[in-house]
Amino acid sequence: MFESRKQQLITGRAFVARQLRFSLYSAVLVLISLGLGMVGYMSTEGMSAIDALLNASMILTGMGPVTPMTNDVSKLFASFYALYSGIAFLTIIALFIAPVAHRFMHKHHLDE
């Protein structure tokens, strides 16, 4: 997926293409995660789509829920969604930053 340390640094154009591809992967994971949260909040708490989106967005980014949960099923869903979201958010950020971090390390390794 990435060039090895013995290979030359890829061109700027190839790097931009790689970054766009990884940005797309990150966006897809964000949309899947938001969709999962929305479906869960709509089905367990009976929220409207916009309220479910708000709550899912706030949980996914680590801000916390907006609407209090009123039943045990929705509280369980919110708990597990929050656990999932913590891992998902860090994974999405790592995926987004990976090409830049790799290029930075590769460039500095080539200078040695």
PDB file of N, CA and C in Angstrom:
ATOM      1  N   MET A   1       0.827  -1.175   0.000  1.00  0.00           N
ATOM      2  CA  MET A   1       0.000   0.000   0.000  1.00  0.00           C
ATOM      3  C   MET A   1       0.882   1.253   0.000  1.00  0.00           C
ATOM      4  N   PHE A   2       1.865   1.300   0.897  1.00  0.00           N
ATOM      5  CA  PHE A   2       2.821   2.403   0.915  1.00  0.00           C
ATOM      6  C   PHE A   2       4.156   1.888   0.399  1.00  0.00           C
ATOM      7  N   GLU A   3       4.976   2.810  -0.084  1.00  0.00           N
ATOM      8  CA  GLU A   3       6.293   2.417  -0.573  1.00  0.00           C
ATOM      9  C   GLU A   3       7.189   2.044   0.614  1.00  0.00           C
ATOM     10  N   SER A   4       8.095   1.113   0.366  1.00  0.00           N
ATOM     11  CA  SER A   4       9.004   0.692   1.425  1.00  0.00           C
ATOM     12  C   SER A   4      10.105   1.732   1.584  1.00  0.00           C
ATOM     13  N   ARG A   5      10.904   1.569   2.604  1.00  0.00           N
ATOM     14  CA  ARG A   5      11.940   2.574   2.870  1.00  0.00           C
ATOM     15  C   ARG A   5      13.044   2.574   1.822  1.00  0.00           C
ATOM     16  N   LYS A   6      13.156   1.512   1.037  1.00  0.00           N
ATOM     17  CA  LYS A   6      14.175   1.443  -0.008  1.00  0.00           C
ATOM     18  C   LYS A   6      13.695   2.070  -1.318  1.00  0.00           C
ATOM     19  N   GLN A   7      12.418   2.342  -1.421  1.00  0.00           N
ATOM     20  CA  GLN A   7      11.866   2.951  -2.631  1.00  0.00           C
ATOM     21  C   GLN A   7      11.917   4.474  -2.526  1.00  0.00           C
ATOM     22  N   GLN A   8      11.880   5.105  -3.685  1.00  0.00           N
ATOM     23  CA  GLN A   8      11.872   6.560  -3.739  1.00  0.00           C
ATOM     24  C   GLN A   8      10.539   7.108  -3.233  1.00  0.00           C
ATOM     25  N   LEU A   9      10.572   8.349  -2.813  1.00  0.00           N
ATOM     26  CA  LEU A   9       9.362   9.046  -2.402  1.00  0.00           C
ATOM     27  C   LEU A   9       8.452   9.212  -3.622  1.00  0.00           C
ATOM     28  N   ILE A  10       7.161   8.989  -3.450  1.00  0.00           N
ATOM     29  CA  ILE A  10       6.248   9.127  -4.586  1.00  0.00           C
ATOM     30  C   ILE A  10       6.106  10.601  -4.956  1.00  0.00           C
ATOM     31  N   THR A  11       5.645  10.840  -6.152  1.00  0.00           N
ATOM     32  CA  THR A  11       5.482  12.214  -6.633  1.00  0.00           C
ATOM     33  C   THR A  11       4.381  12.928  -5.853  1.00  0.00           C
ATOM     34  N   GLY A  12       4.377  14.235  -5.948  1.00  0.00           N
ATOM     35  CA  GLY A  12       3.347  15.026  -5.281  1.00  0.00           C
ATOM     36  C   GLY A  12       1.953  14.687  -5.767  1.00  0.00           C
ATOM     37  N   ARG A  13       1.828  14.461  -7.066  1.00  0.00           N
ATOM     38  CA  ARG A  13       0.520  14.116  -7.646  1.00  0.00           C
ATOM     39  C   ARG A  13       0.021  12.755  -7.113  1.00  0.00           C
ATOM     40  N   ALA A  14       0.938  11.781  -7.030  1.00  0.00           N
ATOM     41  CA  ALA A  14       0.568  10.461  -6.501  1.00  0.00           C
ATOM     42  C   ALA A  14       0.205  10.564  -5.022  1.00  0.00           C
ATOM     43  N   PHE A  15       0.916  11.423  -4.296  1.00  0.00           N
ATOM     44  CA  PHE A  15       0.604  11.613  -2.878  1.00  0.00           C
ATOM     45  C   PHE A  15      -0.786  12.219  -2.697  1.00  0.00           C
ATOM     46  N   VAL A  16      -1.117  13.214  -3.494  1.00  0.00           N
ATOM     47  CA  VAL A  16      -2.444  13.839  -3.407  1.00  0.00           C
ATOM     48  C   VAL A  16      -3.526  12.807  -3.719  1.00  0.00           C
ATOM     49  N   ALA A  17      -3.297  11.979  -4.719  1.00  0.00           N
ATOM     50  CA  ALA A  17      -4.263  10.921  -5.054  1.00  0.00           C
ATOM     51  C   ALA A  17      -4.419   9.953  -3.882  1.00  0.00           C
ATOM     52  N   ARG A  18      -3.305   9.602  -3.250  1.00  0.00           N
ATOM     53  CA  ARG A  18      -3.363   8.696  -2.095  1.00  0.00           C
ATOM     54  C   ARG A  18      -4.125   9.345  -0.947  1.00  0.00           C
ATOM     55  N   GLN A  19      -3.850  10.623  -0.689  1.00  0.00           N
ATOM     56  CA  GLN A  19      -4.532  11.316   0.404  1.00  0.00           C
ATOM     57  C   GLN A  19      -6.032  11.418   0.130  1.00  0.00           C
ATOM     58  N   LEU A  20      -6.397  11.681  -1.103  1.00  0.00           N
ATOM     59  CA  LEU A  20      -7.826  11.731  -1.452  1.00  0.00           C
ATOM     60  C   LEU A  20      -8.492  10.373  -1.258  1.00  0.00           C
ATOM     61  N   ARG A  21      -7.788   9.314  -1.640  1.00  0.00           N
ATOM     62  CA  ARG A  21      -8.333   7.963  -1.453  1.00  0.00           C
ATOM     63  C   ARG A  21      -8.542   7.662   0.032  1.00  0.00           C
ATOM     64  N   PHE A  22      -7.569   7.974   0.862  1.00  0.00           N
ATOM     65  CA  PHE A  22      -7.694   7.726   2.292  1.00  0.00           C
ATOM     66  C   PHE A  22      -8.740   8.636   2.925  1.00  0.00           C
ATOM     67  N   SER A  23      -8.894   9.841   2.402  1.00  0.00           N
ATOM     68  CA  SER A  23      -9.953  10.732   2.876  1.00  0.00           C
ATOM     69  C   SER A  23     -11.327  10.149   2.556  1.00  0.00           C
ATOM     70  N   LEU A  24     -11.447   9.555   1.381  1.00  0.00           N
ATOM     71  CA  LEU A  24     -12.700   8.901   1.008  1.00  0.00           C
ATOM     72  C   LEU A  24     -12.994   7.722   1.935  1.00  0.00           C
ATOM     73  N   TYR A  25     -11.980   6.906   2.227  1.00  0.00           N
ATOM     74  CA  TYR A  25     -12.159   5.790   3.167  1.00  0.00           C
ATOM     75  C   TYR A  25     -12.634   6.316   4.522  1.00  0.00           C
ATOM     76  N   SER A  26     -12.024   7.392   4.986  1.00  0.00           N
ATOM     77  CA  SER A  26     -12.401   7.976   6.279  1.00  0.00           C
ATOM     78  C   SER A  26     -13.843   8.477   6.249  1.00  0.00           C
ATOM     79  N   ALA A  27     -14.219   9.156   5.166  1.00  0.00           N
ATOM     80  CA  ALA A  27     -15.584   9.679   5.050  1.00  0.00           C
ATOM     81  C   ALA A  27     -16.609   8.545   5.032  1.00  0.00           C
ATOM     82  N   VAL A  28     -16.293   7.463   4.342  1.00  0.00           N
ATOM     83  CA  VAL A  28     -17.201   6.304   4.307  1.00  0.00           C
ATOM     84  C   VAL A  28     -17.379   5.729   5.710  1.00  0.00           C
ATOM     85  N   LEU A  29     -16.284   5.609   6.459  1.00  0.00           N
ATOM     86  CA  LEU A  29     -16.390   5.096   7.827  1.00  0.00           C
ATOM     87  C   LEU A  29     -17.195   6.037   8.724  1.00  0.00           C
ATOM     88  N   VAL A  30     -17.051   7.343   8.531  1.00  0.00           N
ATOM     89  CA  VAL A  30     -17.847   8.300   9.305  1.00  0.00           C
ATOM     90  C   VAL A  30     -19.328   8.129   8.970  1.00  0.00           C
ATOM     91  N   LEU A  31     -19.645   8.026   7.687  1.00  0.00           N
ATOM     92  CA  LEU A  31     -21.054   7.867   7.285  1.00  0.00           C
ATOM     93  C   LEU A  31     -21.652   6.563   7.792  1.00  0.00           C
ATOM     94  N   ILE A  32     -20.889   5.479   7.732  1.00  0.00           N
ATOM     95  CA  ILE A  32     -21.369   4.197   8.256  1.00  0.00           C
ATOM     96  C   ILE A  32     -21.608   4.306   9.760  1.00  0.00           C
ATOM     97  N   SER A  33     -20.672   4.919  10.462  1.00  0.00           N
ATOM     98  CA  SER A  33     -20.802   5.063  11.914  1.00  0.00           C
ATOM     99  C   SER A  33     -21.987   5.947  12.288  1.00  0.00           C
ATOM    100  N   LEU A  34     -22.164   7.049  11.566  1.00  0.00           N
ATOM    101  CA  LEU A  34     -23.324   7.903  11.826  1.00  0.00           C
ATOM    102  C   LEU A  34     -24.626   7.177  11.505  1.00  0.00           C
ATOM    103  N   GLY A  35     -24.633   6.439  10.411  1.00  0.00           N
ATOM    104  CA  GLY A  35     -25.832   5.672  10.048  1.00  0.00           C
ATOM    105  C   GLY A  35     -26.181   4.646  11.100  1.00  0.00           C
ATOM    106  N   LEU A  36     -25.183   3.943  11.610  1.00  0.00           N
ATOM    107  CA  LEU A  36     -25.411   2.960  12.669  1.00  0.00           C
ATOM    108  C   LEU A  36     -26.007   3.631  13.900  1.00  0.00           C
ATOM    109  N   GLY A  37     -25.447   4.775  14.275  1.00  0.00           N
ATOM    110  CA  GLY A  37     -25.970   5.502  15.433  1.00  0.00           C
ATOM    111  C   GLY A  37     -27.382   6.007  15.210  1.00  0.00           C
ATOM    112  N   MET A  38     -27.631   6.525  14.031  1.00  0.00           N
ATOM    113  CA  MET A  38     -28.971   7.040  13.731  1.00  0.00           C
ATOM    114  C   MET A  38     -30.023   5.943  13.791  1.00  0.00           C
ATOM    115  N   VAL A  39     -29.708   4.807  13.176  1.00  0.00           N
ATOM    116  CA  VAL A  39     -30.662   3.687  13.194  1.00  0.00           C
ATOM    117  C   VAL A  39     -30.913   3.237  14.627  1.00  0.00           C
ATOM    118  N   GLY A  40     -29.855   3.163  15.407  1.00  0.00           N
ATOM    119  CA  GLY A  40     -30.006   2.744  16.798  1.00  0.00           C
ATOM    120  C   GLY A  40     -30.855   3.701  17.611  1.00  0.00           C
ATOM    121  N   TYR A  41     -30.575   4.996  17.498  1.00  0.00           N
ATOM    122  CA  TYR A  41     -31.356   5.977  18.255  1.00  0.00           C
ATOM    123  C   TYR A  41     -32.800   6.049  17.777  1.00  0.00           C
ATOM    124  N   MET A  42     -33.008   5.930  16.479  1.00  0.00           N
ATOM    125  CA  MET A  42     -34.376   5.978  15.957  1.00  0.00           C
ATOM    126  C   MET A  42     -35.181   4.764  16.391  1.00  0.00           C
ATOM    127  N   SER A  43     -34.540   3.599  16.439  1.00  0.00           N
ATOM    128  CA  SER A  43     -35.282   2.387  16.778  1.00  0.00           C
ATOM    129  C   SER A  43     -35.425   2.174  18.283  1.00  0.00           C
ATOM    130  N   THR A  44     -34.455   2.584  19.077  1.00  0.00           N
ATOM    131  CA  THR A  44     -34.553   2.332  20.519  1.00  0.00           C
ATOM    132  C   THR A  44     -35.212   3.470  21.286  1.00  0.00           C
ATOM    133  N   GLU A  45     -35.045   4.691  20.818  1.00  0.00           N
ATOM    134  CA  GLU A  45     -35.581   5.851  21.534  1.00  0.00           C
ATOM    135  C   GLU A  45     -36.718   6.530  20.776  1.00  0.00           C
ATOM    136  N   GLY A  46     -36.915   6.141  19.504  1.00  0.00           N
ATOM    137  CA  GLY A  46     -37.983   6.737  18.711  1.00  0.00           C
ATOM    138  C   GLY A  46     -37.697   8.176  18.305  1.00  0.00           C
ATOM    139  N   MET A  47     -36.432   8.516  18.174  1.00  0.00           N
ATOM    140  CA  MET A  47     -36.058   9.885  17.789  1.00  0.00           C
ATOM    141  C   MET A  47     -36.339  10.135  16.318  1.00  0.00           C
ATOM    142  N   SER A  48     -36.507  11.407  15.980  1.00  0.00           N
ATOM    143  CA  SER A  48     -36.605  11.774  14.570  1.00  0.00           C
ATOM    144  C   SER A  48     -35.206  11.634  13.963  1.00  0.00           C
ATOM    145  N   ALA A  49     -35.143  11.649  12.643  1.00  0.00           N
ATOM    146  CA  ALA A  49     -33.859  11.477  11.961  1.00  0.00           C
ATOM    147  C   ALA A  49     -32.868  12.579  12.343  1.00  0.00           C
ATOM    148  N   ILE A  50     -33.330  13.804  12.439  1.00  0.00           N
ATOM    149  CA  ILE A  50     -32.423  14.912  12.752  1.00  0.00           C
ATOM    150  C   ILE A  50     -31.924  14.831  14.195  1.00  0.00           C
ATOM    151  N   ASP A  51     -32.786  14.431  15.125  1.00  0.00           N
ATOM    152  CA  ASP A  51     -32.357  14.263  16.515  1.00  0.00           C
ATOM    153  C   ASP A  51     -31.394  13.090  16.647  1.00  0.00           C
ATOM    154  N   ALA A  52     -31.668  12.020  15.904  1.00  0.00           N
ATOM    155  CA  ALA A  52     -30.779  10.862  15.930  1.00  0.00           C
ATOM    156  C   ALA A  52     -29.414  11.221  15.346  1.00  0.00           C
ATOM    157  N   LEU A  53     -29.410  12.017  14.265  1.00  0.00           N
ATOM    158  CA  LEU A  53     -28.150  12.467  13.680  1.00  0.00           C
ATOM    159  C   LEU A  53     -27.365  13.319  14.671  1.00  0.00           C
ATOM    160  N   LEU A  54     -28.046  14.220  15.347  1.00  0.00           N
ATOM    161  CA  LEU A  54     -27.389  15.074  16.336  1.00  0.00           C
ATOM    162  C   LEU A  54     -26.756  14.236  17.443  1.00  0.00           C
ATOM    163  N   ASN A  55     -27.514  13.313  18.003  1.00  0.00           N
ATOM    164  CA  ASN A  55     -26.978  12.479  19.079  1.00  0.00           C
ATOM    165  C   ASN A  55     -25.842  11.596  18.597  1.00  0.00           C
ATOM    166  N   ALA A  56     -25.993  10.987  17.419  1.00  0.00           N
ATOM    167  CA  ALA A  56     -24.936  10.126  16.886  1.00  0.00           C
ATOM    168  C   ALA A  56     -23.667  10.937  16.612  1.00  0.00           C
ATOM    169  N   SER A  57     -23.816  12.135  16.068  1.00  0.00           N
ATOM    170  CA  SER A  57     -22.662  12.999  15.794  1.00  0.00           C
ATOM    171  C   SER A  57     -21.947  13.383  17.079  1.00  0.00           C
ATOM    172  N   MET A  58     -22.713  13.748  18.081  1.00  0.00           N
ATOM    173  CA  MET A  58     -22.120  14.172  19.345  1.00  0.00           C
ATOM    174  C   MET A  58     -21.397  13.013  20.040  1.00  0.00           C
ATOM    175  N   ILE A  59     -21.972  11.833  19.989  1.00  0.00           N
ATOM    176  CA  ILE A  59     -21.314  10.670  20.602  1.00  0.00           C
ATOM    177  C   ILE A  59     -20.076  10.292  19.802  1.00  0.00           C
ATOM    178  N   LEU A  60     -20.182  10.276  18.474  1.00  0.00           N
ATOM    179  CA  LEU A  60     -19.066   9.858  17.625  1.00  0.00           C
ATOM    180  C   LEU A  60     -17.846  10.748  17.816  1.00  0.00           C
ATOM    181  N   THR A  61     -18.047  12.031  18.051  1.00  0.00           N
ATOM    182  CA  THR A  61     -16.913  12.943  18.230  1.00  0.00           C
ATOM    183  C   THR A  61     -16.496  13.093  19.684  1.00  0.00           C
ATOM    184  N   GLY A  62     -17.154  12.379  20.580  1.00  0.00           N
ATOM    185  CA  GLY A  62     -16.750  12.392  21.984  1.00  0.00           C
ATOM    186  C   GLY A  62     -17.334  13.523  22.805  1.00  0.00           C
ATOM    187  N   MET A  63     -18.321  14.222  22.280  1.00  0.00           N
ATOM    188  CA  MET A  63     -18.907  15.356  22.999  1.00  0.00           C
ATOM    189  C   MET A  63     -19.948  14.917  24.034  1.00  0.00           C
ATOM    190  N   GLY A  64     -20.607  13.806  23.791  1.00  0.00           N
ATOM    191  CA  GLY A  64     -21.629  13.324  24.719  1.00  0.00           C
ATOM    192  C   GLY A  64     -23.018  13.484  24.139  1.00  0.00           C
ATOM    193  N   PRO A  65     -23.968  12.772  24.710  1.00  0.00           N
ATOM    194  CA  PRO A  65     -25.339  12.797  24.178  1.00  0.00           C
ATOM    195  C   PRO A  65     -26.028  14.132  24.452  1.00  0.00           C
ATOM    196  N   VAL A  66     -26.998  14.444  23.601  1.00  0.00           N
ATOM    197  CA  VAL A  66     -27.781  15.664  23.749  1.00  0.00           C
ATOM    198  C   VAL A  66     -29.095  15.353  24.444  1.00  0.00           C
ATOM    199  N   THR A  67     -29.752  14.302  23.987  1.00  0.00           N
ATOM    200  CA  THR A  67     -31.057  13.915  24.506  1.00  0.00           C
ATOM    201  C   THR A  67     -30.894  12.818  25.551  1.00  0.00           C
ATOM    202  N   PRO A  68     -31.498  12.967  26.725  1.00  0.00           N
ATOM    203  CA  PRO A  68     -31.413  11.895  27.728  1.00  0.00           C
ATOM    204  C   PRO A  68     -32.190  10.657  27.258  1.00  0.00           C
ATOM    205  N   MET A  69     -31.649   9.502  27.545  1.00  0.00           N
ATOM    206  CA  MET A  69     -32.300   8.241  27.179  1.00  0.00           C
ATOM    207  C   MET A  69     -33.375   7.929  28.223  1.00  0.00           C
ATOM    208  N   THR A  70     -34.536   7.452  27.753  1.00  0.00           N
ATOM    209  CA  THR A  70     -35.671   7.270  28.656  1.00  0.00           C
ATOM    210  C   THR A  70     -35.973   5.825  28.991  1.00  0.00           C
ATOM    211  N   ASN A  71     -35.342   4.871  28.299  1.00  0.00           N
ATOM    212  CA  ASN A  71     -35.615   3.468  28.621  1.00  0.00           C
ATOM    213  C   ASN A  71     -34.301   2.684  28.645  1.00  0.00           C
ATOM    214  N   ASP A  72     -34.366   1.495  29.196  1.00  0.00           N
ATOM    215  CA  ASP A  72     -33.157   0.694  29.381  1.00  0.00           C
ATOM    216  C   ASP A  72     -32.520   0.258  28.062  1.00  0.00           C
ATOM    217  N   VAL A  73     -33.343  -0.056  27.071  1.00  0.00           N
ATOM    218  CA  VAL A  73     -32.812  -0.504  25.781  1.00  0.00           C
ATOM    219  C   VAL A  73     -32.008   0.620  25.123  1.00  0.00           C
ATOM    220  N   SER A  74     -32.548   1.824  25.151  1.00  0.00           N
ATOM    221  CA  SER A  74     -31.823   2.946  24.542  1.00  0.00           C
ATOM    222  C   SER A  74     -30.564   3.289  25.338  1.00  0.00           C
ATOM    223  N   LYS A  75     -30.597   3.108  26.646  1.00  0.00           N
ATOM    224  CA  LYS A  75     -29.400   3.340  27.462  1.00  0.00           C
ATOM    225  C   LYS A  75     -28.320   2.319  27.144  1.00  0.00           C
ATOM    226  N   LEU A  76     -28.715   1.068  26.939  1.00  0.00           N
ATOM    227  CA  LEU A  76     -27.744   0.042  26.549  1.00  0.00           C
ATOM    228  C   LEU A  76     -27.164   0.339  25.171  1.00  0.00           C
ATOM    229  N   PHE A  77     -28.034   0.697  24.232  1.00  0.00           N
ATOM    230  CA  PHE A  77     -27.536   1.044  22.899  1.00  0.00           C
ATOM    231  C   PHE A  77     -26.564   2.210  22.981  1.00  0.00           C
ATOM    232  N   ALA A  78     -26.924   3.263  23.702  1.00  0.00           N
ATOM    233  CA  ALA A  78     -26.069   4.443  23.803  1.00  0.00           C
ATOM    234  C   ALA A  78     -24.721   4.087  24.432  1.00  0.00           C
ATOM    235  N   SER A  79     -24.725   3.191  25.396  1.00  0.00           N
ATOM    236  CA  SER A  79     -23.475   2.762  26.035  1.00  0.00           C
ATOM    237  C   SER A  79     -22.571   2.051  25.043  1.00  0.00           C
ATOM    238  N   PHE A  80     -23.120   1.087  24.324  1.00  0.00           N
ATOM    239  CA  PHE A  80     -22.300   0.343  23.365  1.00  0.00           C
ATOM    240  C   PHE A  80     -21.897   1.200  22.162  1.00  0.00           C
ATOM    241  N   TYR A  81     -22.772   2.097  21.752  1.00  0.00           N
ATOM    242  CA  TYR A  81     -22.428   2.996  20.647  1.00  0.00           C
ATOM    243  C   TYR A  81     -21.301   3.940  21.068  1.00  0.00           C
ATOM    244  N   ALA A  82     -21.323   4.391  22.311  1.00  0.00           N
ATOM    245  CA  ALA A  82     -20.252   5.262  22.801  1.00  0.00           C
ATOM    246  C   ALA A  82     -18.916   4.507  22.831  1.00  0.00           C
ATOM    247  N   LEU A  83     -18.925   3.246  23.258  1.00  0.00           N
ATOM    248  CA  LEU A  83     -17.692   2.446  23.250  1.00  0.00           C
ATOM    249  C   LEU A  83     -17.184   2.251  21.827  1.00  0.00           C
ATOM    250  N   TYR A  84     -18.087   1.908  20.925  1.00  0.00           N
ATOM    251  CA  TYR A  84     -17.720   1.752  19.521  1.00  0.00           C
ATOM    252  C   TYR A  84     -17.177   3.064  18.962  1.00  0.00           C
ATOM    253  N   SER A  85     -17.839   4.172  19.278  1.00  0.00           N
ATOM    254  CA  SER A  85     -17.474   5.468  18.717  1.00  0.00           C
ATOM    255  C   SER A  85     -16.078   5.911  19.122  1.00  0.00           C
ATOM    256  N   GLY A  86     -15.693   5.618  20.350  1.00  0.00           N
ATOM    257  CA  GLY A  86     -14.358   5.985  20.786  1.00  0.00           C
ATOM    258  C   GLY A  86     -13.289   5.324  19.946  1.00  0.00           C
ATOM    259  N   ILE A  87     -13.470   4.047  19.689  1.00  0.00           N
ATOM    260  CA  ILE A  87     -12.512   3.301  18.862  1.00  0.00           C
ATOM    261  C   ILE A  87     -12.616   3.742  17.404  1.00  0.00           C
ATOM    262  N   ALA A  88     -13.834   3.905  16.906  1.00  0.00           N
ATOM    263  CA  ALA A  88     -14.039   4.289  15.510  1.00  0.00           C
ATOM    264  C   ALA A  88     -13.434   5.655  15.221  1.00  0.00           C
ATOM    265  N   PHE A  89     -13.623   6.612  16.110  1.00  0.00           N
ATOM    266  CA  PHE A  89     -13.112   7.960  15.888  1.00  0.00           C
ATOM    267  C   PHE A  89     -11.586   7.960  15.792  1.00  0.00           C
ATOM    268  N   LEU A  90     -10.933   7.251  16.702  1.00  0.00           N
ATOM    269  CA  LEU A  90      -9.469   7.179  16.662  1.00  0.00           C
ATOM    270  C   LEU A  90      -8.985   6.471  15.401  1.00  0.00           C
ATOM    271  N   THR A  91      -9.692   5.423  14.997  1.00  0.00           N
ATOM    272  CA  THR A  91      -9.328   4.695  13.784  1.00  0.00           C
ATOM    273  C   THR A  91      -9.488   5.577  12.549  1.00  0.00           C
ATOM    274  N   ILE A  92     -10.560   6.322  12.485  1.00  0.00           N
ATOM    275  CA  ILE A  92     -10.820   7.196  11.337  1.00  0.00           C
ATOM    276  C   ILE A  92      -9.756   8.290  11.245  1.00  0.00           C
ATOM    277  N   ILE A  93      -9.405   8.869  12.370  1.00  0.00           N
ATOM    278  CA  ILE A  93      -8.357   9.904  12.380  1.00  0.00           C
ATOM    279  C   ILE A  93      -7.026   9.306  11.941  1.00  0.00           C
ATOM    280  N   ALA A  94      -6.691   8.126  12.442  1.00  0.00           N
ATOM    281  CA  ALA A  94      -5.431   7.469  12.056  1.00  0.00           C
ATOM    282  C   ALA A  94      -5.413   7.169  10.563  1.00  0.00           C
ATOM    283  N   LEU A  95      -6.527   6.703  10.034  1.00  0.00           N
ATOM    284  CA  LEU A  95      -6.617   6.406   8.604  1.00  0.00           C
ATOM    285  C   LEU A  95      -6.434   7.675   7.773  1.00  0.00           C
ATOM    286  N   PHE A  96      -7.014   8.759   8.220  1.00  0.00           N
ATOM    287  CA  PHE A  96      -6.914  10.030   7.512  1.00  0.00           C
ATOM    288  C   PHE A  96      -5.485  10.586   7.534  1.00  0.00           C
ATOM    289  N   ILE A  97      -4.805  10.430   8.658  1.00  0.00           N
ATOM    290  CA  ILE A  97      -3.464  11.001   8.834  1.00  0.00           C
ATOM    291  C   ILE A  97      -2.363  10.090   8.298  1.00  0.00           C
ATOM    292  N   ALA A  98      -2.631   8.815   8.101  1.00  0.00           N
ATOM    293  CA  ALA A  98      -1.602   7.837   7.730  1.00  0.00           C
ATOM    294  C   ALA A  98      -0.755   8.244   6.520  1.00  0.00           C
ATOM    295  N   PRO A  99      -1.336   8.697   5.411  1.00  0.00           N
ATOM    296  CA  PRO A  99      -0.477   9.073   4.278  1.00  0.00           C
ATOM    297  C   PRO A  99       0.488  10.220   4.595  1.00  0.00           C
ATOM    298  N   VAL A 100       0.024  11.196   5.342  1.00  0.00           N
ATOM    299  CA  VAL A 100       0.878  12.337   5.688  1.00  0.00           C
ATOM    300  C   VAL A 100       1.999  11.880   6.619  1.00  0.00           C
ATOM    301  N   ALA A 101       1.655  11.100   7.629  1.00  0.00           N
ATOM    302  CA  ALA A 101       2.663  10.608   8.566  1.00  0.00           C
ATOM    303  C   ALA A 101       3.689   9.731   7.852  1.00  0.00           C
ATOM    304  N   HIS A 102       3.209   8.867   6.958  1.00  0.00           N
ATOM    305  CA  HIS A 102       4.132   7.997   6.224  1.00  0.00           C
ATOM    306  C   HIS A 102       5.063   8.820   5.345  1.00  0.00           C
ATOM    307  N   ARG A 103       4.528   9.794   4.653  1.00  0.00           N
ATOM    308  CA  ARG A 103       5.366  10.626   3.770  1.00  0.00           C
ATOM    309  C   ARG A 103       6.407  11.391   4.586  1.00  0.00           C
ATOM    310  N   PHE A 104       5.995  11.934   5.718  1.00  0.00           N
ATOM    311  CA  PHE A 104       6.918  12.664   6.585  1.00  0.00           C
ATOM    312  C   PHE A 104       8.057  11.753   7.047  1.00  0.00           C
ATOM    313  N   MET A 105       7.702  10.570   7.547  1.00  0.00           N
ATOM    314  CA  MET A 105       8.745   9.647   8.028  1.00  0.00           C
ATOM    315  C   MET A 105       9.609   9.140   6.877  1.00  0.00           C
ATOM    316  N   HIS A 106       8.998   8.845   5.738  1.00  0.00           N
ATOM    317  CA  HIS A 106       9.746   8.347   4.588  1.00  0.00           C
ATOM    318  C   HIS A 106      10.728   9.414   4.097  1.00  0.00           C
ATOM    319  N   LYS A 107      10.291  10.638   4.029  1.00  0.00           N
ATOM    320  CA  LYS A 107      11.145  11.732   3.553  1.00  0.00           C
ATOM    321  C   LYS A 107      12.350  11.920   4.476  1.00  0.00           C
ATOM    322  N   HIS A 108      12.111  11.873   5.770  1.00  0.00           N
ATOM    323  CA  HIS A 108      13.216  12.057   6.703  1.00  0.00           C
ATOM    324  C   HIS A 108      14.142  10.860   6.739  1.00  0.00           C
ATOM    325  N   HIS A 109      13.611   9.687   6.457  1.00  0.00           N
ATOM    326  CA  HIS A 109      14.463   8.505   6.399  1.00  0.00           C
ATOM    327  C   HIS A 109      15.346   8.548   5.155  1.00  0.00           C
ATOM    328  N   LEU A 110      14.819   9.055   4.052  1.00  0.00           N
ATOM    329  CA  LEU A 110      15.629   9.147   2.821  1.00  0.00           C
ATOM    330  C   LEU A 110      16.768  10.137   2.980  1.00  0.00           C
ATOM    331  N   ASP A 111      16.579  11.164   3.806  1.00  0.00           N
ATOM    332  CA  ASP A 111      17.631  12.166   4.009  1.00  0.00           C
ATOM    333  C   ASP A 111      18.843  11.591   4.723  1.00  0.00           C
ATOM    334  N   GLU A 112      18.646  10.529   5.477  1.00  0.00           N
ATOM    335  CA  GLU A 112      19.769   9.921   6.201  1.00  0.00           C
ATOM    336  C   GLU A 112      20.611   9.203   5.250  1.00  0.00           C
TER     337      GLU A 112
END
